[in-house]
């Protein structure tokens, strides 16, 4: 289930930021980024928030394993 962008405004700021950080850290682990310093992490967090606002990234809740993750919308469309 995709969580609407408007619903993200109801989350505590730290919750959304932690979700974004987790998303970015998985990108580091899979080799998309070699490493991130604090400034790069801040820049990428802001870019991620913009991509969420524009609909390029979405927050998806998996009922199957009761988890929440940020995913690229094209990956969701391609998997269906």
PDB file of N, CA and C in Angstrom:
ATOM      1  N   UNK A   1       0.843  -1.159   0.000  1.00  0.00           N
ATOM      2  CA  UNK A   1       0.000   0.000   0.000  1.00  0.00           C
ATOM      3  C   UNK A   1       0.901   1.239   0.000  1.00  0.00           C
ATOM      4  N   UNK A   2       0.628   2.137  -0.915  1.00  0.00           N
ATOM      5  CA  UNK A   2       1.398   3.378  -0.990  1.00  0.00           C
ATOM      6  C   UNK A   2       0.762   4.405  -0.047  1.00  0.00           C
ATOM      7  N   UNK A   3       1.597   5.013   0.772  1.00  0.00           N
ATOM      8  CA  UNK A   3       1.143   6.044   1.699  1.00  0.00           C
ATOM      9  C   UNK A   3       1.168   7.375   0.959  1.00  0.00           C
ATOM     10  N   UNK A   4       0.037   8.081   0.917  1.00  0.00           N
ATOM     11  CA  UNK A   4      -0.004   9.356   0.184  1.00  0.00           C
ATOM     12  C   UNK A   4       0.979  10.372   0.765  1.00  0.00           C
ATOM     13  N   UNK A   5       1.541  11.185  -0.114  1.00  0.00           N
ATOM     14  CA  UNK A   5       2.493  12.212   0.309  1.00  0.00           C
ATOM     15  C   UNK A   5       1.881  13.117   1.371  1.00  0.00           C
ATOM     16  N   UNK A   6       0.617  13.457   1.213  1.00  0.00           N
ATOM     17  CA  UNK A   6      -0.037  14.353   2.182  1.00  0.00           C
ATOM     18  C   UNK A   6      -0.043  13.757   3.589  1.00  0.00           C
ATOM     19  N   UNK A   7      -0.079  12.434   3.691  1.00  0.00           N
ATOM     20  CA  UNK A   7      -0.073  11.789   5.003  1.00  0.00           C
ATOM     21  C   UNK A   7       1.288  11.886   5.682  1.00  0.00           C
ATOM     22  N   UNK A   8       2.337  12.101   4.903  1.00  0.00           N
ATOM     23  CA  UNK A   8       3.681  12.202   5.479  1.00  0.00           C
ATOM     24  C   UNK A   8       3.830  13.439   6.350  1.00  0.00           C
ATOM     25  N   UNK A   9       3.010  14.457   6.086  1.00  0.00           N
ATOM     26  CA  UNK A   9       3.069  15.681   6.894  1.00  0.00           C
ATOM     27  C   UNK A   9       2.618  15.430   8.325  1.00  0.00           C
ATOM     28  N   UNK A  10       1.854  14.361   8.543  1.00  0.00           N
ATOM     29  CA  UNK A  10       1.388  14.025   9.880  1.00  0.00           C
ATOM     30  C   UNK A  10       2.422  13.301  10.719  1.00  0.00           C
ATOM     31  N   UNK A  11       3.509  12.872  10.085  1.00  0.00           N
ATOM     32  CA  UNK A  11       4.564  12.175  10.817  1.00  0.00           C
ATOM     33  C   UNK A  11       5.432  13.168  11.580  1.00  0.00           C
ATOM     34  N   UNK A  12       5.971  12.709  12.676  1.00  0.00           N
ATOM     35  CA  UNK A  12       6.962  13.524  13.384  1.00  0.00           C
ATOM     36  C   UNK A  12       8.158  13.700  12.458  1.00  0.00           C
ATOM     37  N   UNK A  13       8.790  14.868  12.501  1.00  0.00           N
ATOM     38  CA  UNK A  13       9.922  15.171  11.620  1.00  0.00           C
ATOM     39  C   UNK A  13      11.021  14.134  11.696  1.00  0.00           C
ATOM     40  N   UNK A  14      11.313  13.658  12.889  1.00  0.00           N
ATOM     41  CA  UNK A  14      12.358  12.654  13.057  1.00  0.00           C
ATOM     42  C   UNK A  14      11.987  11.335  12.387  1.00  0.00           C
ATOM     43  N   UNK A  15      10.708  11.003  12.391  1.00  0.00           N
ATOM     44  CA  UNK A  15      10.267   9.746  11.787  1.00  0.00           C
ATOM     45  C   UNK A  15      10.546   9.750  10.291  1.00  0.00           C
ATOM     46  N   UNK A  16      10.147  10.806   9.612  1.00  0.00           N
ATOM     47  CA  UNK A  16      10.387  10.902   8.179  1.00  0.00           C
ATOM     48  C   UNK A  16      11.891  10.965   7.891  1.00  0.00           C
ATOM     49  N   UNK A  17      12.610  11.755   8.657  1.00  0.00           N
ATOM     50  CA  UNK A  17      14.061  11.854   8.451  1.00  0.00           C
ATOM     51  C   UNK A  17      14.750  10.505   8.653  1.00  0.00           C
ATOM     52  N   UNK A  18      14.327   9.738   9.652  1.00  0.00           N
ATOM     53  CA  UNK A  18      14.920   8.417   9.891  1.00  0.00           C
ATOM     54  C   UNK A  18      14.580   7.448   8.768  1.00  0.00           C
ATOM     55  N   UNK A  19      13.377   7.536   8.240  1.00  0.00           N
ATOM     56  CA  UNK A  19      12.986   6.702   7.115  1.00  0.00           C
ATOM     57  C   UNK A  19      13.827   7.036   5.883  1.00  0.00           C
ATOM     58  N   UNK A  20      14.049   8.317   5.670  1.00  0.00           N
ATOM     59  CA  UNK A  20      14.886   8.755   4.542  1.00  0.00           C
ATOM     60  C   UNK A  20      16.328   8.294   4.744  1.00  0.00           C
ATOM     61  N   UNK A  21      16.854   8.428   5.954  1.00  0.00           N
ATOM     62  CA  UNK A  21      18.226   7.983   6.225  1.00  0.00           C
ATOM     63  C   UNK A  21      18.370   6.483   5.975  1.00  0.00           C
ATOM     64  N   UNK A  22      17.383   5.713   6.397  1.00  0.00           N
ATOM     65  CA  UNK A  22      17.421   4.270   6.162  1.00  0.00           C
ATOM     66  C   UNK A  22      17.438   3.970   4.663  1.00  0.00           C
ATOM     67  N   UNK A  23      16.624   4.704   3.914  1.00  0.00           N
ATOM     68  CA  UNK A  23      16.594   4.543   2.458  1.00  0.00           C
ATOM     69  C   UNK A  23      17.968   4.864   1.867  1.00  0.00           C
ATOM     70  N   UNK A  24      18.557   5.963   2.300  1.00  0.00           N
ATOM     71  CA  UNK A  24      19.864   6.358   1.774  1.00  0.00           C
ATOM     72  C   UNK A  24      20.953   5.365   2.155  1.00  0.00           C
ATOM     73  N   UNK A  25      20.892   4.835   3.363  1.00  0.00           N
ATOM     74  CA  UNK A  25      21.904   3.867   3.800  1.00  0.00           C
ATOM     75  C   UNK A  25      21.805   2.571   3.010  1.00  0.00           C
ATOM     76  N   UNK A  26      20.617   2.167   2.612  1.00  0.00           N
ATOM     77  CA  UNK A  26      20.498   0.980   1.773  1.00  0.00           C
ATOM     78  C   UNK A  26      21.106   1.246   0.400  1.00  0.00           C
ATOM     79  N   UNK A  27      21.060   2.503  -0.047  1.00  0.00           N
ATOM     80  CA  UNK A  27      21.685   2.864  -1.315  1.00  0.00           C
ATOM     81  C   UNK A  27      23.209   2.737  -1.209  1.00  0.00           C
ATOM     82  N   UNK A  28      23.752   3.071  -0.059  1.00  0.00           N
ATOM     83  CA  UNK A  28      25.196   2.939   0.150  1.00  0.00           C
ATOM     84  C   UNK A  28      25.576   1.463   0.136  1.00  0.00           C
ATOM     85  N   UNK A  29      24.774   0.648   0.825  1.00  0.00           N
ATOM     86  CA  UNK A  29      25.081  -0.776   0.921  1.00  0.00           C
ATOM     87  C   UNK A  29      25.032  -1.468  -0.429  1.00  0.00           C
ATOM     88  N   UNK A  30      24.122  -1.036  -1.316  1.00  0.00           N
ATOM     89  CA  UNK A  30      24.038  -1.708  -2.613  1.00  0.00           C
ATOM     90  C   UNK A  30      24.979  -1.100  -3.652  1.00  0.00           C
ATOM     91  N   UNK A  31      25.805  -0.124  -3.238  1.00  0.00           N
ATOM     92  CA  UNK A  31      26.829   0.414  -4.116  1.00  0.00           C
ATOM     93  C   UNK A  31      26.432   1.647  -4.898  1.00  0.00           C
ATOM     94  N   UNK A  32      25.212   2.165  -4.678  1.00  0.00           N
ATOM     95  CA  UNK A  32      24.791   3.369  -5.392  1.00  0.00           C
ATOM     96  C   UNK A  32      25.624   4.580  -4.988  1.00  0.00           C
ATOM     97  N   UNK A  33      26.086   4.587  -3.753  1.00  0.00           N
ATOM     98  CA  UNK A  33      26.965   5.641  -3.247  1.00  0.00           C
ATOM     99  C   UNK A  33      28.134   4.954  -2.563  1.00  0.00           C
ATOM    100  N   UNK A  34      29.295   5.558  -2.644  1.00  0.00           N
ATOM    101  CA  UNK A  34      30.443   4.949  -1.983  1.00  0.00           C
ATOM    102  C   UNK A  34      30.454   5.280  -0.492  1.00  0.00           C
ATOM    103  N   UNK A  35      30.079   6.506  -0.148  1.00  0.00           N
ATOM    104  CA  UNK A  35      30.006   6.922   1.256  1.00  0.00           C
ATOM    105  C   UNK A  35      29.312   8.273   1.310  1.00  0.00           C
ATOM    106  N   UNK A  36      28.870   8.646   2.485  1.00  0.00           N
ATOM    107  CA  UNK A  36      28.222   9.946   2.678  1.00  0.00           C
ATOM    108  C   UNK A  36      28.789  10.609   3.915  1.00  0.00           C
ATOM    109  N   UNK A  37      29.193  11.870   3.777  1.00  0.00           N
ATOM    110  CA  UNK A  37      29.543  12.633   4.967  1.00  0.00           C
ATOM    111  C   UNK A  37      28.282  13.381   5.407  1.00  0.00           C
ATOM    112  N   UNK A  38      28.360  14.130   6.486  1.00  0.00           N
ATOM    113  CA  UNK A  38      27.177  14.803   7.032  1.00  0.00           C
ATOM    114  C   UNK A  38      26.543  15.774   6.044  1.00  0.00           C
ATOM    115  N   UNK A  39      27.349  16.533   5.317  1.00  0.00           N
ATOM    116  CA  UNK A  39      26.798  17.496   4.355  1.00  0.00           C
ATOM    117  C   UNK A  39      26.132  16.772   3.182  1.00  0.00           C
ATOM    118  N   UNK A  40      26.774  15.717   2.708  1.00  0.00           N
ATOM    119  CA  UNK A  40      26.178  14.946   1.624  1.00  0.00           C
ATOM    120  C   UNK A  40      24.876  14.294   2.073  1.00  0.00           C
ATOM    121  N   UNK A  41      24.845  13.809   3.303  1.00  0.00           N
ATOM    122  CA  UNK A  41      23.632  13.200   3.842  1.00  0.00           C
ATOM    123  C   UNK A  41      22.512  14.228   3.922  1.00  0.00           C
ATOM    124  N   UNK A  42      22.825  15.442   4.346  1.00  0.00           N
ATOM    125  CA  UNK A  42      21.825  16.506   4.405  1.00  0.00           C
ATOM    126  C   UNK A  42      21.315  16.844   3.006  1.00  0.00           C
ATOM    127  N   UNK A  43      22.221  16.964   2.045  1.00  0.00           N
ATOM    128  CA  UNK A  43      21.828  17.249   0.661  1.00  0.00           C
ATOM    129  C   UNK A  43      20.949  16.138   0.097  1.00  0.00           C
ATOM    130  N   UNK A  44      21.348  14.886   0.320  1.00  0.00           N
ATOM    131  CA  UNK A  44      20.580  13.756  -0.187  1.00  0.00           C
ATOM    132  C   UNK A  44      19.221  13.651   0.505  1.00  0.00           C
ATOM    133  N   UNK A  45      19.158  13.992   1.787  1.00  0.00           N
ATOM    134  CA  UNK A  45      17.882  13.995   2.508  1.00  0.00           C
ATOM    135  C   UNK A  45      16.935  15.008   1.886  1.00  0.00           C
ATOM    136  N   UNK A  46      17.457  16.196   1.586  1.00  0.00           N
ATOM    137  CA  UNK A  46      16.627  17.225   0.952  1.00  0.00           C
ATOM    138  C   UNK A  46      16.183  16.803  -0.446  1.00  0.00           C
ATOM    139  N   UNK A  47      17.070  16.161  -1.192  1.00  0.00           N
ATOM    140  CA  UNK A  47      16.707  15.675  -2.530  1.00  0.00           C
ATOM    141  C   UNK A  47      15.648  14.581  -2.432  1.00  0.00           C
ATOM    142  N   UNK A  48      15.762  13.753  -1.426  1.00  0.00           N
ATOM    143  CA  UNK A  48      14.795  12.676  -1.218  1.00  0.00           C
ATOM    144  C   UNK A  48      13.419  13.257  -0.879  1.00  0.00           C
ATOM    145  N   UNK A  49      13.399  14.276  -0.032  1.00  0.00           N
ATOM    146  CA  UNK A  49      12.129  14.929   0.309  1.00  0.00           C
ATOM    147  C   UNK A  49      11.487  15.540  -0.928  1.00  0.00           C
ATOM    148  N   UNK A  50      12.291  16.152  -1.783  1.00  0.00           N
ATOM    149  CA  UNK A  50      11.774  16.730  -3.018  1.00  0.00           C
ATOM    150  C   UNK A  50      11.239  15.632  -3.940  1.00  0.00           C
ATOM    151  N   UNK A  51      11.956  14.523  -4.049  1.00  0.00           N
ATOM    152  CA  UNK A  51      11.506  13.409  -4.893  1.00  0.00           C
ATOM    153  C   UNK A  51      10.208  12.806  -4.359  1.00  0.00           C
ATOM    154  N   UNK A  52      10.050  12.774  -3.042  1.00  0.00           N
ATOM    155  CA  UNK A  52       8.789  12.314  -2.455  1.00  0.00           C
ATOM    156  C   UNK A  52       7.659  13.276  -2.816  1.00  0.00           C
ATOM    157  N   UNK A  53       7.925  14.547  -2.715  1.00  0.00           N
ATOM    158  CA  UNK A  53       6.919  15.565  -3.039  1.00  0.00           C
ATOM    159  C   UNK A  53       6.507  15.477  -4.501  1.00  0.00           C
ATOM    160  N   UNK A  54       7.481  15.207  -5.385  1.00  0.00           N
ATOM    161  CA  UNK A  54       7.211  15.149  -6.819  1.00  0.00           C
ATOM    162  C   UNK A  54       6.661  13.792  -7.271  1.00  0.00           C
ATOM    163  N   UNK A  55       6.646  12.820  -6.365  1.00  0.00           N
ATOM    164  CA  UNK A  55       6.104  11.509  -6.699  1.00  0.00           C
ATOM    165  C   UNK A  55       7.087  10.555  -7.342  1.00  0.00           C
ATOM    166  N   UNK A  56       8.354  10.945  -7.442  1.00  0.00           N
ATOM    167  CA  UNK A  56       9.369  10.043  -7.992  1.00  0.00           C
ATOM    168  C   UNK A  56       9.676   8.915  -7.012  1.00  0.00           C
ATOM    169  N   UNK A  57       9.673   9.246  -5.740  1.00  0.00           N
ATOM    170  CA  UNK A  57       9.803   8.274  -4.664  1.00  0.00           C
ATOM    171  C   UNK A  57       8.476   8.225  -3.917  1.00  0.00           C
ATOM    172  N   UNK A  58       8.159   7.055  -3.375  1.00  0.00           N
ATOM    173  CA  UNK A  58       6.936   6.908  -2.582  1.00  0.00           C
ATOM    174  C   UNK A  58       7.258   6.121  -1.321  1.00  0.00           C
ATOM    175  N   UNK A  59       6.423   6.291  -0.316  1.00  0.00           N
ATOM    176  CA  UNK A  59       6.540   5.501   0.902  1.00  0.00           C
ATOM    177  C   UNK A  59       5.535   4.364   0.775  1.00  0.00           C
ATOM    178  N   UNK A  60       6.041   3.153   0.919  1.00  0.00           N
ATOM    179  CA  UNK A  60       5.186   1.980   0.757  1.00  0.00           C
ATOM    180  C   UNK A  60       5.149   1.192   2.059  1.00  0.00           C
ATOM    181  N   UNK A  61       3.936   0.834   2.465  1.00  0.00           N
ATOM    182  CA  UNK A  61       3.744  -0.031   3.629  1.00  0.00           C
ATOM    183  C   UNK A  61       3.480  -1.437   3.120  1.00  0.00           C
ATOM    184  N   UNK A  62       4.250  -2.389   3.599  1.00  0.00           N
ATOM    185  CA  UNK A  62       4.053  -3.787   3.228  1.00  0.00           C
ATOM    186  C   UNK A  62       3.248  -4.463   4.327  1.00  0.00           C
ATOM    187  N   UNK A  63       2.039  -4.850   3.984  1.00  0.00           N
ATOM    188  CA  UNK A  63       1.192  -5.543   4.958  1.00  0.00           C
ATOM    189  C   UNK A  63       1.747  -6.929   5.266  1.00  0.00           C
ATOM    190  N   UNK A  64       2.405  -7.518   4.277  1.00  0.00           N
ATOM    191  CA  UNK A  64       2.937  -8.865   4.423  1.00  0.00           C
ATOM    192  C   UNK A  64       3.960  -8.960   5.555  1.00  0.00           C
ATOM    193  N   UNK A  65       4.930  -8.039   5.572  1.00  0.00           N
ATOM    194  CA  UNK A  65       5.943  -8.091   6.627  1.00  0.00           C
ATOM    195  C   UNK A  65       5.878  -6.890   7.572  1.00  0.00           C
ATOM    196  N   UNK A  66       4.798  -6.113   7.467  1.00  0.00           N
ATOM    197  CA  UNK A  66       4.553  -4.968   8.348  1.00  0.00           C
ATOM    198  C   UNK A  66       5.749  -4.024   8.420  1.00  0.00           C
ATOM    199  N   UNK A  67       6.246  -3.639   7.240  1.00  0.00           N
ATOM    200  CA  UNK A  67       7.376  -2.730   7.178  1.00  0.00           C
ATOM    201  C   UNK A  67       7.025  -1.531   6.303  1.00  0.00           C
ATOM    202  N   UNK A  68       7.802  -0.474   6.476  1.00  0.00           N
ATOM    203  CA  UNK A  68       7.632   0.745   5.697  1.00  0.00           C
ATOM    204  C   UNK A  68       8.966   1.040   5.031  1.00  0.00           C
ATOM    205  N   UNK A  69       8.916   1.414   3.739  1.00  0.00           N
ATOM    206  CA  UNK A  69      10.148   1.713   3.016  1.00  0.00           C
ATOM    207  C   UNK A  69       9.867   2.741   1.938  1.00  0.00           C
ATOM    208  N   UNK A  70      10.918   3.462   1.580  1.00  0.00           N
ATOM    209  CA  UNK A  70      10.849   4.395   0.457  1.00  0.00           C
ATOM    210  C   UNK A  70      11.322   3.643  -0.779  1.00  0.00           C
ATOM    211  N   UNK A  71      10.535   3.752  -1.838  1.00  0.00           N
ATOM    212  CA  UNK A  71      10.877   3.066  -3.086  1.00  0.00           C
ATOM    213  C   UNK A  71      10.671   4.007  -4.257  1.00  0.00           C
ATOM    214  N   UNK A  72      11.386   3.739  -5.346  1.00  0.00           N
ATOM    215  CA  UNK A  72      11.163   4.476  -6.585  1.00  0.00           C
ATOM    216  C   UNK A  72       9.839   4.010  -7.175  1.00  0.00           C
ATOM    217  N   UNK A  73       9.040   4.945  -7.625  1.00  0.00           N
ATOM    218  CA  UNK A  73       7.731   4.603  -8.177  1.00  0.00           C
ATOM    219  C   UNK A  73       7.873   3.666  -9.373  1.00  0.00           C
ATOM    220  N   UNK A  74       8.903   3.826 -10.173  1.00  0.00           N
ATOM    221  CA  UNK A  74       9.082   2.953 -11.347  1.00  0.00           C
ATOM    222  C   UNK A  74       9.315   1.511 -10.924  1.00  0.00           C
ATOM    223  N   UNK A  75       9.960   1.287  -9.779  1.00  0.00           N
ATOM    224  CA  UNK A  75      10.176  -0.079  -9.292  1.00  0.00           C
ATOM    225  C   UNK A  75       8.870  -0.733  -8.858  1.00  0.00           C
ATOM    226  N   UNK A  76       7.967   0.064  -8.341  1.00  0.00           N
ATOM    227  CA  UNK A  76       6.675  -0.459  -7.930  1.00  0.00           C
ATOM    228  C   UNK A  76       5.836  -0.791  -9.158  1.00  0.00           C
ATOM    229  N   UNK A  77       5.849   0.102 -10.129  1.00  0.00           N
ATOM    230  CA  UNK A  77       5.089  -0.119 -11.357  1.00  0.00           C
ATOM    231  C   UNK A  77       5.633  -1.330 -12.108  1.00  0.00           C
ATOM    232  N   UNK A  78       6.949  -1.445 -12.196  1.00  0.00           N
ATOM    233  CA  UNK A  78       7.578  -2.563 -12.913  1.00  0.00           C
ATOM    234  C   UNK A  78       7.308  -3.904 -12.244  1.00  0.00           C
ATOM    235  N   UNK A  79       7.135  -3.913 -10.917  1.00  0.00           N
ATOM    236  CA  UNK A  79       6.942  -5.177 -10.207  1.00  0.00           C
ATOM    237  C   UNK A  79       5.503  -5.683 -10.284  1.00  0.00           C
ATOM    238  N   UNK A  80       4.605  -4.866 -10.804  1.00  0.00           N
ATOM    239  CA  UNK A  80       3.191  -5.286 -10.874  1.00  0.00           C
ATOM    240  C   UNK A  80       2.818  -5.766 -12.228  1.00  0.00           C
TER     241      UNK A  80
END
